Amino acid sequence: LEAVDRERLAVARAFGVEVDSAFDWLKRSYPDVTGDTLYQRLRSNKAYAGIQSPTTLKNRHLIDDIPTGLVPLASLGELAGVETPAIRALIDIGGILLERNFRAAGRTVEKLGLAGMSVDEILNFVRTGVTNENY
């Protein structure tokens, strides 16, 4: 968990965005959580008590979150020169387990219309809605 979160933070930093680690966010959002690791804090969170794990691999946590969460992170990381081995491993393992090509189905920079842009061009596009192609 921590490796994926470190990669998420690195991708955000590459785009000039400072975000909380999941570890810090949990403590700020749920002051009663305890633990020295992200896993321990997740397990100690009373708000999550009673939430059952999925009983099958075919659930939204994999089917939806991999192509819409992990694939864009890996794709944006690649564009920005940030290595994301843990995220890429989860995409690959999820694809193997579910017999899906999440990289092909997911939200890549190409599918988001960001291919060929630099980090600065993407940030400008996000702020203004204007790309270099608009000129």
Foldseek 3Di string as FASTA:
>chain_A
DQLQQVLLQVLCVLLVHHDDGCQVVLCVVQVPFDDDDSVSRVVRRPVCPPPDDDPDLPDCVLPPCLQEPLLQSCQSCVLSVHDRVVSVVSQVVSCVVVVHNSNVVHDHCVNVVNPPHHSVQVVCCVVPVDHPVND
